[in-house]
C-alpha atoms as a PDB file:
ATOM      1  CA  MET A   1       0.094  -0.016   0.020  1.00  0.00           C
ATOM      2  CA  SER A   2       1.468   3.435  -0.947  1.00  0.00           C
ATOM      3  CA  PHE A   3       2.000   6.256   1.677  1.00  0.00           C
ATOM      4  CA  GLN A   4      -0.599   8.272   0.068  1.00  0.00           C
ATOM      5  CA  ALA A   5      -3.308   5.221   0.097  1.00  0.00           C
ATOM      6  CA  LEU A   6      -2.440   4.365   3.853  1.00  0.00           C
ATOM      7  CA  THR A   7      -2.874   7.966   5.069  1.00  0.00           C
ATOM      8  CA  SER A   8      -6.164   8.531   3.166  1.00  0.00           C
ATOM      9  CA  ASP A   9      -7.359   5.306   4.504  1.00  0.00           C
ATOM     10  CA  LEU A  10      -6.251   5.985   8.013  1.00  0.00           C
ATOM     11  CA  ALA A  11      -7.880   9.449   7.969  1.00  0.00           C
ATOM     12  CA  GLY A  12     -11.017   8.114   6.912  1.00  0.00           C
ATOM     13  CA  CYS A  13     -11.348   5.321   9.527  1.00  0.00           C
ATOM     14  CA  THR A  14     -14.501   4.756  11.215  1.00  0.00           C
ATOM     15  CA  ILE A  15     -14.146   1.308  13.042  1.00  0.00           C
ATOM     16  CA  CYS A  16     -14.734   3.034  16.209  1.00  0.00           C
ATOM     17  CA  ALA A  17     -17.771   4.986  15.234  1.00  0.00           C
ATOM     18  CA  GLU A  18     -20.521   2.889  17.451  1.00  0.00           C
ATOM     19  CA  ARG A  19     -18.009   2.805  20.242  1.00  0.00           C
ATOM     20  CA  PHE A  20     -17.504   6.152  20.501  1.00  0.00           C
ATOM     21  CA  ALA A  21     -21.270   7.347  20.010  1.00  0.00           C
ATOM     22  CA  ALA A  22     -21.819   5.409  23.208  1.00  0.00           C
ATOM     23  CA  THR A  23     -19.225   7.263  25.230  1.00  0.00           C
ATOM     24  CA  GLU A  24     -19.967  10.345  27.293  1.00  0.00           C
ATOM     25  CA  THR A  25     -19.273  12.433  24.471  1.00  0.00           C
ATOM     26  CA  GLY A  26     -20.666  10.744  22.166  1.00  0.00           C
ATOM     27  CA  HIS A  27     -18.333  12.113  19.375  1.00  0.00           C
ATOM     28  CA  ALA A  28     -17.527  10.697  15.852  1.00  0.00           C
ATOM     29  CA  PRO A  29     -14.079   9.444  14.990  1.00  0.00           C
ATOM     30  CA  ARG A  30     -11.442  11.912  13.932  1.00  0.00           C
ATOM     31  CA  PRO A  31      -8.214  10.242  13.307  1.00  0.00           C
ATOM     32  CA  VAL A  32      -5.212  12.554  13.827  1.00  0.00           C
ATOM     33  CA  VAL A  33      -2.782  11.545  10.933  1.00  0.00           C
ATOM     34  CA  TRP A  34       0.776  13.143  11.785  1.00  0.00           C
ATOM     35  CA  PHE A  35       3.898  11.325  10.133  1.00  0.00           C
ATOM     36  CA  ALA A  36       5.658  11.122   6.798  1.00  0.00           C
ATOM     37  CA  PRO A  37       8.458   8.951   5.476  1.00  0.00           C
ATOM     38  CA  GLY A  38      11.834   9.948   6.620  1.00  0.00           C
ATOM     39  CA  ALA A  39      11.073  10.840   9.966  1.00  0.00           C
ATOM     40  CA  ARG A  40      13.852   9.860  12.528  1.00  0.00           C
ATOM     41  CA  VAL A  41      12.012  10.171  15.654  1.00  0.00           C
ATOM     42  CA  LEU A  42       8.822   8.370  16.506  1.00  0.00           C
ATOM     43  CA  ILE A  43       6.602   9.269  19.472  1.00  0.00           C
ATOM     44  CA  ALA A  44       4.330   6.308  20.346  1.00  0.00           C
ATOM     45  CA  GLY A  45       1.930   8.021  22.642  1.00  0.00           C
ATOM     46  CA  GLN A  46      -1.778   7.060  23.975  1.00  0.00           C
ATOM     47  CA  ALA A  47      -4.509   8.891  22.110  1.00  0.00           C
ATOM     48  CA  PRO A  48      -5.680  12.142  21.509  1.00  0.00           C
ATOM     49  CA  GLY A  49      -7.372  14.323  23.840  1.00  0.00           C
ATOM     50  CA  MET A  50     -10.045  16.431  23.500  1.00  0.00           C
ATOM     51  CA  LYS A  51      -8.266  19.490  22.651  1.00  0.00           C
ATOM     52  CA  VAL A  52      -6.392  17.501  20.241  1.00  0.00           C
ATOM     53  CA  HIS A  53      -9.469  15.915  18.600  1.00  0.00           C
ATOM     54  CA  LEU A  54     -10.670  19.344  18.104  1.00  0.00           C
ATOM     55  CA  SER A  55      -7.839  20.828  16.936  1.00  0.00           C
ATOM     56  CA  GLY A  56      -6.511  17.917  14.628  1.00  0.00           C
ATOM     57  CA  LYS A  57      -2.940  18.598  15.519  1.00  0.00           C
ATOM     58  CA  PRO A  58      -1.226  16.229  18.222  1.00  0.00           C
ATOM     59  CA  PHE A  59      -0.105  17.415  21.642  1.00  0.00           C
ATOM     60  CA  THR A  60      -1.843  20.851  21.194  1.00  0.00           C
ATOM     61  CA  ASP A  61      -2.122  21.183  25.177  1.00  0.00           C
ATOM     62  CA  PRO A  62      -0.050  21.457  28.249  1.00  0.00           C
ATOM     63  CA  SER A  63       1.170  17.649  27.666  1.00  0.00           C
ATOM     64  CA  GLY A  64       2.540  18.957  24.324  1.00  0.00           C
ATOM     65  CA  ASP A  65       4.267  21.700  25.789  1.00  0.00           C
ATOM     66  CA  ARG A  66       6.277  19.373  28.585  1.00  0.00           C
ATOM     67  CA  LEU A  67       6.962  16.626  25.878  1.00  0.00           C
ATOM     68  CA  ARG A  68       8.560  19.408  23.860  1.00  0.00           C
ATOM     69  CA  ASP A  69      10.647  20.482  26.972  1.00  0.00           C
ATOM     70  CA  TRP A  70      11.738  17.039  27.847  1.00  0.00           C
ATOM     71  CA  MET A  71      13.042  16.394  24.185  1.00  0.00           C
ATOM     72  CA  GLY A  72      14.642  19.805  23.906  1.00  0.00           C
ATOM     73  CA  VAL A  73      13.030  20.742  20.664  1.00  0.00           C
ATOM     74  CA  GLY A  74      10.719  23.643  19.712  1.00  0.00           C
ATOM     75  CA  GLU A  75       7.355  23.480  17.439  1.00  0.00           C
ATOM     76  CA  ASP A  76       9.018  23.867  14.187  1.00  0.00           C
ATOM     77  CA  VAL A  77      11.039  20.391  14.607  1.00  0.00           C
ATOM     78  CA  PHE A  78       8.466  18.814  16.566  1.00  0.00           C
ATOM     79  CA  TYR A  79       5.582  19.251  14.281  1.00  0.00           C
ATOM     80  CA  ASP A  80       7.998  18.630  11.277  1.00  0.00           C
ATOM     81  CA  LYS A  81       6.603  15.286   9.799  1.00  0.00           C
ATOM     82  CA  SER A  82       9.604  14.797   8.261  1.00  0.00           C
ATOM     83  CA  GLN A  83      11.575  14.601  11.472  1.00  0.00           C
ATOM     84  CA  VAL A  84       9.162  13.328  13.699  1.00  0.00           C
ATOM     85  CA  ALA A  85       6.391  11.068  13.570  1.00  0.00           C
ATOM     86  CA  ILE A  86       3.620  11.137  16.263  1.00  0.00           C
ATOM     87  CA  VAL A  87       1.922   7.641  16.157  1.00  0.00           C
ATOM     88  CA  PRO A  88      -0.278   6.811  18.941  1.00  0.00           C
ATOM     89  CA  MET A  89      -1.798   3.697  19.889  1.00  0.00           C
ATOM     90  CA  GLY A  90      -5.136   5.127  19.118  1.00  0.00           C
ATOM     91  CA  PHE A  91      -5.497   7.744  16.421  1.00  0.00           C
ATOM     92  CA  CYS A  92      -8.654   8.867  17.566  1.00  0.00           C
ATOM     93  CA  PHE A  93      -9.928  10.571  21.120  1.00  0.00           C
ATOM     94  CA  PRO A  94     -11.156   7.678  22.771  1.00  0.00           C
ATOM     95  CA  GLY A  95     -13.795   9.574  24.871  1.00  0.00           C
ATOM     96  CA  TYR A  96     -14.841  10.008  28.444  1.00  0.00           C
ATOM     97  CA  ASN A  97     -16.527   7.749  30.941  1.00  0.00           C
ATOM     98  CA  ALA A  98     -19.075   8.495  33.000  1.00  0.00           C
ATOM     99  CA  LYS A  99     -16.730  10.105  35.357  1.00  0.00           C
ATOM    100  CA  GLY A 100     -15.258  12.543  33.195  1.00  0.00           C
ATOM    101  CA  SER A 101     -11.940  10.280  32.699  1.00  0.00           C
ATOM    102  CA  ASP A 102     -10.251   9.359  29.313  1.00  0.00           C
ATOM    103  CA  LEU A 103     -11.079   6.037  27.988  1.00  0.00           C
ATOM    104  CA  PRO A 104      -8.111   3.632  26.878  1.00  0.00           C
ATOM    105  CA  PRO A 105      -7.305   3.705  23.200  1.00  0.00           C
ATOM    106  CA  PRO A 106      -9.298   1.076  21.809  1.00  0.00           C
ATOM    107  CA  LYS A 107      -7.096  -2.181  21.066  1.00  0.00           C
ATOM    108  CA  ILE A 108      -8.408  -2.854  17.474  1.00  0.00           C
ATOM    109  CA  CYS A 109      -6.878   0.554  16.425  1.00  0.00           C
ATOM    110  CA  ALA A 110      -3.426  -0.528  17.206  1.00  0.00           C
ATOM    111  CA  GLU A 111      -4.245  -4.020  15.766  1.00  0.00           C
ATOM    112  CA  THR A 112      -5.553  -2.665  12.490  1.00  0.00           C
ATOM    113  CA  TRP A 113      -2.919   0.256  11.833  1.00  0.00           C
ATOM    114  CA  ARG A 114       0.075   0.205  13.955  1.00  0.00           C
ATOM    115  CA  ALA A 115       2.304  -2.188  11.536  1.00  0.00           C
ATOM    116  CA  ARG A 116       1.021  -0.398   8.292  1.00  0.00           C
ATOM    117  CA  VAL A 117       2.145   3.058   9.617  1.00  0.00           C
ATOM    118  CA  LEU A 118       5.462   1.663  11.033  1.00  0.00           C
ATOM    119  CA  ALA A 119       6.209  -0.076   7.668  1.00  0.00           C
ATOM    120  CA  HIS A 120       6.323   3.411   6.191  1.00  0.00           C
ATOM    121  CA  LEU A 121       8.640   4.613   8.987  1.00  0.00           C
ATOM    122  CA  PRO A 122      11.973   2.543   7.977  1.00  0.00           C
ATOM    123  CA  ASP A 123      14.327   5.660   9.077  1.00  0.00           C
ATOM    124  CA  VAL A 124      13.266   6.007  12.581  1.00  0.00           C
ATOM    125  CA  SER A 125      16.402   5.471  14.963  1.00  0.00           C
ATOM    126  CA  LEU A 126      14.768   6.754  18.131  1.00  0.00           C
ATOM    127  CA  THR A 127      11.342   5.894  19.527  1.00  0.00           C
ATOM    128  CA  LEU A 128       9.593   7.345  22.352  1.00  0.00           C
ATOM    129  CA  LEU A 129       7.264   5.176  24.434  1.00  0.00           C
ATOM    130  CA  VAL A 130       5.132   7.591  26.123  1.00  0.00           C
ATOM    131  CA  GLY A 131       2.816   5.832  28.847  1.00  0.00           C
ATOM    132  CA  GLY A 132       1.659   2.539  29.788  1.00  0.00           C
ATOM    133  CA  TYR A 133      -0.242   1.756  26.705  1.00  0.00           C
ATOM    134  CA  ALA A 134       2.663   2.561  23.980  1.00  0.00           C
ATOM    135  CA  GLN A 135       5.031   0.585  26.604  1.00  0.00           C
ATOM    136  CA  GLY A 136       3.039  -2.607  27.011  1.00  0.00           C
ATOM    137  CA  TRP A 137       2.691  -2.709  23.038  1.00  0.00           C
ATOM    138  CA  HIS A 138       6.212  -1.964  22.125  1.00  0.00           C
ATOM    139  CA  LEU A 139       7.973  -4.008  25.157  1.00  0.00           C
ATOM    140  CA  GLY A 140       5.507  -6.538  26.123  1.00  0.00           C
ATOM    141  CA  GLY A 141       5.591  -7.821  29.857  1.00  0.00           C
ATOM    142  CA  LYS A 142       3.378  -6.217  32.733  1.00  0.00           C
ATOM    143  CA  ARG A 143       5.702  -4.093  34.128  1.00  0.00           C
ATOM    144  CA  GLY A 144       4.214  -0.640  35.405  1.00  0.00           C
ATOM    145  CA  VAL A 145       5.417   2.663  34.184  1.00  0.00           C
ATOM    146  CA  THR A 146       7.683   3.769  37.002  1.00  0.00           C
ATOM    147  CA  GLU A 147       9.421   0.343  36.687  1.00  0.00           C
ATOM    148  CA  THR A 148       9.630   0.634  33.014  1.00  0.00           C
ATOM    149  CA  VAL A 149      10.847   4.182  32.991  1.00  0.00           C
ATOM    150  CA  ALA A 150      13.546   3.492  35.570  1.00  0.00           C
ATOM    151  CA  GLY A 151      14.615   0.804  33.527  1.00  0.00           C
ATOM    152  CA  TRP A 152      15.039   2.941  30.656  1.00  0.00           C
ATOM    153  CA  ARG A 153      18.845   2.009  30.167  1.00  0.00           C
ATOM    154  CA  ASP A 154      17.837  -1.560  28.928  1.00  0.00           C
ATOM    155  CA  HIS A 155      16.406   0.000  26.089  1.00  0.00           C
ATOM    156  CA  ALA A 156      18.251   3.150  25.071  1.00  0.00           C
ATOM    157  CA  PRO A 157      19.611   4.561  23.067  1.00  0.00           C
ATOM    158  CA  ASP A 158      17.067   3.466  20.399  1.00  0.00           C
ATOM    159  CA  VAL A 159      14.097   3.172  22.389  1.00  0.00           C
ATOM    160  CA  ILE A 160      13.259   5.380  25.645  1.00  0.00           C
ATOM    161  CA  PRO A 161      10.262   4.845  27.871  1.00  0.00           C
ATOM    162  CA  LEU A 162       8.701   8.213  29.450  1.00  0.00           C
ATOM    163  CA  PRO A 163       5.742   8.567  31.597  1.00  0.00           C
ATOM    164  CA  HIS A 164       2.672  10.528  30.369  1.00  0.00           C
ATOM    165  CA  PRO A 165       3.836  14.465  30.220  1.00  0.00           C
ATOM    166  CA  SER A 166       0.106  15.294  31.708  1.00  0.00           C
ATOM    167  CA  TRP A 167       0.523  18.029  34.363  1.00  0.00           C
ATOM    168  CA  ARG A 168      -0.978  15.199  36.490  1.00  0.00           C
ATOM    169  CA  ASN A 169       1.966  13.362  36.632  1.00  0.00           C
ATOM    170  CA  THR A 170       4.051  16.432  38.101  1.00  0.00           C
ATOM    171  CA  GLY A 171       3.724  14.425  41.724  1.00  0.00           C
ATOM    172  CA  TRP A 172       5.697  11.570  39.974  1.00  0.00           C
ATOM    173  CA  MET A 173       8.413  13.473  38.930  1.00  0.00           C
ATOM    174  CA  LYS A 174       8.840  14.855  42.243  1.00  0.00           C
ATOM    175  CA  LYS A 175       8.881  11.360  43.975  1.00  0.00           C
ATOM    176  CA  ASN A 176      11.441  10.463  41.072  1.00  0.00           C
ATOM    177  CA  PRO A 177      13.968  13.203  40.829  1.00  0.00           C
ATOM    178  CA  TRP A 178      16.136  10.579  38.937  1.00  0.00           C
ATOM    179  CA  PHE A 179      13.992  11.344  35.732  1.00  0.00           C
ATOM    180  CA  GLU A 180      14.782  14.910  35.361  1.00  0.00           C
ATOM    181  CA  ALA A 181      18.469  14.582  36.538  1.00  0.00           C
ATOM    182  CA  GLU A 182      19.301  11.425  34.684  1.00  0.00           C
ATOM    183  CA  LEU A 183      16.868  10.592  31.853  1.00  0.00           C
ATOM    184  CA  LEU A 184      16.118  13.904  30.379  1.00  0.00           C
ATOM    185  CA  PRO A 185      19.761  14.996  29.560  1.00  0.00           C
ATOM    186  CA  VAL A 186      20.086  11.724  27.650  1.00  0.00           C
ATOM    187  CA  LEU A 187      16.981  12.189  26.037  1.00  0.00           C
ATOM    188  CA  ARG A 188      17.792  15.641  24.867  1.00  0.00           C
ATOM    189  CA  ALA A 189      21.134  14.804  23.649  1.00  0.00           C
ATOM    190  CA  ARG A 190      19.999  11.556  21.437  1.00  0.00           C
ATOM    191  CA  VAL A 191      16.891  13.758  20.189  1.00  0.00           C
ATOM    192  CA  ALA A 192      19.862  16.604  19.214  1.00  0.00           C
ATOM    193  CA  GLU A 193      22.071  13.833  17.730  1.00  0.00           C
ATOM    194  CA  ILE A 194      19.608  11.985  15.396  1.00  0.00           C
ATOM    195  CA  LEU A 195      17.621  15.671  14.287  1.00  0.00           C
ATOM    196  CA  ALA A 196      21.306  17.266  13.669  1.00  0.00           C
ATOM    197  CA  ILE A 197      19.696  20.375  16.221  1.00  0.00           C
END
Protein backbone atom coordinates (compact mmCIF):
# COMPACT_ATOMS: atom_id res chain seq x y z
CA MET A 1 0.00 0.00 0.00
CA SER A 2 1.35 3.42 -0.91
CA PHE A 3 1.90 6.08 1.72
CA GLN A 4 -0.80 8.25 0.18
CA ALA A 5 -3.32 5.40 0.19
CA LEU A 6 -2.45 4.50 3.78
CA THR A 7 -2.88 8.02 5.13
CA SER A 8 -6.09 8.49 3.16
CA ASP A 9 -7.56 5.24 4.51
CA LEU A 10 -6.40 6.03 8.04
CA ALA A 11 -7.81 9.56 7.97
CA GLY A 12 -11.17 8.14 6.92
CA CYS A 13 -11.24 5.27 9.45
CA THR A 14 -14.59 4.79 11.21
CA ILE A 15 -14.15 1.35 12.81
CA CYS A 16 -14.81 2.83 16.25
CA ALA A 17 -17.84 4.94 15.29
CA GLU A 18 -20.35 2.93 17.35
CA ARG A 19 -17.95 2.70 20.31
CA PHE A 20 -17.36 6.47 20.36
CA ALA A 21 -21.05 7.28 19.90
CA ALA A 22 -21.76 5.27 23.07
CA THR A 23 -19.30 7.25 25.24
CA GLU A 24 -20.26 10.20 27.44
CA THR A 25 -18.93 12.52 24.73
CA GLY A 26 -20.94 10.82 21.96
CA HIS A 27 -18.44 11.96 19.35
CA ALA A 28 -17.53 10.75 15.86
CA PRO A 29 -14.08 9.41 14.94
CA ARG A 30 -11.49 11.97 13.84
CA PRO A 31 -8.13 10.24 13.31
CA VAL A 32 -5.16 12.54 13.86
CA VAL A 33 -2.59 11.50 11.24
CA TRP A 34 0.86 13.05 11.81
CA PHE A 35 3.78 11.21 10.22
CA ALA A 36 5.74 11.03 6.98
CA PRO A 37 8.44 8.81 5.47
CA GLY A 38 11.92 9.95 6.47
CA ALA A 39 11.05 10.73 10.10
CA ARG A 40 13.91 9.84 12.44
CA VAL A 41 12.08 10.12 15.78
CA LEU A 42 8.88 8.24 16.56
CA ILE A 43 6.63 9.33 19.41
CA ALA A 44 4.41 6.42 20.39
CA GLY A 45 1.79 7.98 22.61
CA GLN A 46 -1.57 6.94 24.01
CA ALA A 47 -4.41 8.67 22.13
CA PRO A 48 -5.51 12.23 21.41
CA GLY A 49 -7.37 14.12 24.12
CA MET A 50 -10.38 16.35 23.55
CA LYS A 51 -8.25 19.43 22.70
CA VAL A 52 -6.38 17.48 20.04
CA HIS A 53 -9.66 16.00 18.76
CA LEU A 54 -10.89 19.54 18.20
CA SER A 55 -7.63 20.93 16.75
CA GLY A 56 -6.67 17.94 14.59
CA LYS A 57 -3.03 18.49 15.59
CA PRO A 58 -1.26 16.26 18.15
CA PHE A 59 -0.09 17.51 21.53
CA THR A 60 -1.73 20.94 21.24
CA ASP A 61 -2.13 21.04 25.01
CA PRO A 62 0.01 21.45 28.15
CA SER A 63 1.17 17.83 27.76
CA GLY A 64 2.69 18.80 24.42
CA ASP A 65 4.49 21.76 25.97
CA ARG A 66 6.03 19.48 28.57
CA LEU A 67 6.96 16.77 26.04
CA ARG A 68 8.69 19.32 23.79
CA ASP A 69 10.60 20.60 26.83
CA TRP A 70 11.64 17.05 27.72
CA MET A 71 12.89 16.53 24.16
CA GLY A 72 14.58 19.93 23.95
CA VAL A 73 12.82 20.91 20.72
CA GLY A 74 10.58 23.74 19.61
CA GLU A 75 7.30 23.47 17.77
CA ASP A 76 9.07 23.95 14.43
CA VAL A 77 10.97 20.67 14.84
CA PHE A 78 8.27 18.82 16.77
CA TYR A 79 5.63 19.40 14.09
CA ASP A 80 7.91 18.71 11.13
CA LYS A 81 6.50 15.36 10.00
CA SER A 82 9.65 14.65 8.01
CA GLN A 83 11.61 14.63 11.29
CA VAL A 84 9.16 13.55 14.01
CA ALA A 85 6.39 10.99 13.53
CA ILE A 86 3.60 11.04 16.11
CA VAL A 87 1.90 7.65 16.04
CA PRO A 88 -0.31 7.00 19.09
CA MET A 89 -1.80 3.67 20.09
CA GLY A 90 -5.18 5.11 19.18
CA PHE A 91 -5.45 7.72 16.42
CA CYS A 92 -8.78 9.09 17.68
CA PHE A 93 -9.94 10.61 20.94
CA PRO A 94 -11.48 7.62 22.77
CA GLY A 95 -13.96 9.74 24.75
CA TYR A 96 -14.73 10.10 28.43
CA ASN A 97 -16.35 7.66 30.80
CA ALA A 98 -19.24 8.60 33.12
CA LYS A 99 -16.76 10.07 35.64
CA GLY A 100 -15.14 12.33 33.04
CA SER A 101 -11.90 10.36 32.73
CA ASP A 102 -10.26 9.51 29.41
CA LEU A 103 -11.13 6.08 28.11
CA PRO A 104 -8.22 3.86 26.99
CA PRO A 105 -7.32 3.69 23.31
CA PRO A 106 -9.30 0.86 21.67
CA LYS A 107 -6.98 -2.08 20.95
CA ILE A 108 -8.53 -2.52 17.50
CA CYS A 109 -6.84 0.72 16.37
CA ALA A 110 -3.29 -0.51 16.97
CA GLU A 111 -4.20 -3.97 15.70
CA THR A 112 -5.56 -2.49 12.46
CA TRP A 113 -3.08 0.29 11.72
CA ARG A 114 0.16 0.13 13.69
CA ALA A 115 2.17 -2.35 11.60
CA ARG A 116 1.07 -0.67 8.36
CA VAL A 117 2.09 2.77 9.59
CA LEU A 118 5.44 1.65 11.00
CA ALA A 119 6.25 -0.06 7.69
CA HIS A 120 6.32 3.42 6.15
CA LEU A 121 8.77 4.72 8.79
CA PRO A 122 11.97 2.76 8.07
CA ASP A 123 14.33 5.59 9.05
CA VAL A 124 13.26 5.87 12.70
CA SER A 125 16.33 5.81 14.95
CA LEU A 126 14.68 6.73 18.24
CA THR A 127 11.30 5.63 19.57
CA LEU A 128 9.80 7.39 22.57
CA LEU A 129 7.26 5.21 24.37
CA VAL A 130 4.99 7.67 26.14
CA GLY A 131 2.85 6.03 28.80
CA GLY A 132 1.82 2.54 29.72
CA TYR A 133 -0.19 1.61 26.62
CA ALA A 134 2.69 2.28 24.24
CA GLN A 135 5.18 0.61 26.57
CA GLY A 136 3.04 -2.49 26.90
CA TRP A 137 2.56 -2.80 23.13
CA HIS A 138 6.20 -2.25 22.17
CA LEU A 139 7.99 -3.88 25.12
CA GLY A 140 5.47 -6.46 26.28
CA GLY A 141 5.34 -7.66 29.84
CA LYS A 142 3.29 -6.47 32.77
CA ARG A 143 5.64 -3.90 34.30
CA GLY A 144 4.19 -0.60 35.49
CA VAL A 145 5.19 2.75 34.02
CA THR A 146 7.50 3.67 36.90
CA GLU A 147 9.38 0.39 36.71
CA THR A 148 9.61 0.57 32.91
CA VAL A 149 10.84 4.18 32.88
CA ALA A 150 13.30 3.45 35.70
CA GLY A 151 14.74 0.68 33.50
CA TRP A 152 15.20 3.01 30.52
CA ARG A 153 18.88 2.11 30.17
CA ASP A 154 17.80 -1.43 29.19
CA HIS A 155 16.30 -0.02 25.96
CA ALA A 156 18.45 3.04 25.18
CA PRO A 157 19.72 4.47 22.94
CA ASP A 158 17.09 3.42 20.35
CA VAL A 159 14.05 3.26 22.63
CA ILE A 160 13.31 5.47 25.61
CA PRO A 161 10.20 4.91 27.75
CA LEU A 162 8.65 8.02 29.28
CA PRO A 163 5.77 8.72 31.65
CA HIS A 164 2.84 10.60 30.18
CA PRO A 165 3.77 14.32 30.13
CA SER A 166 0.44 15.28 31.69
CA TRP A 167 0.67 17.93 34.39
CA ARG A 168 -1.09 15.37 36.60
CA ASN A 169 2.29 13.60 36.72
CA THR A 170 4.08 16.52 38.38
CA GLY A 171 3.88 14.64 41.69
CA TRP A 172 5.40 11.56 40.03
CA MET A 173 8.34 13.65 38.84
CA LYS A 174 8.92 15.00 42.36
CA LYS A 175 8.93 11.46 43.74
CA ASN A 176 11.34 10.31 41.02
CA PRO A 177 14.01 13.03 40.74
CA TRP A 178 16.27 10.68 38.75
CA PHE A 179 13.95 11.21 35.78
CA GLU A 180 14.94 14.86 35.33
CA ALA A 181 18.50 14.42 36.57
CA GLU A 182 19.50 11.31 34.62
CA LEU A 183 17.04 10.45 31.85
CA LEU A 184 16.14 13.85 30.39
CA PRO A 185 19.74 14.94 29.62
CA VAL A 186 20.25 11.69 27.70
CA LEU A 187 16.93 12.11 25.89
CA ARG A 188 17.73 15.68 24.82
CA ALA A 189 21.22 14.74 23.66
CA ARG A 190 19.91 11.78 21.67
CA VAL A 191 17.18 13.83 19.99
CA ALA A 192 19.71 16.55 19.12
CA GLU A 193 22.10 13.96 17.73
CA ILE A 194 19.52 12.25 15.54
CA LEU A 195 17.87 15.41 14.25
CA ALA A 196 21.17 17.33 13.99
CA ILE A 197 19.80 20.30 15.94
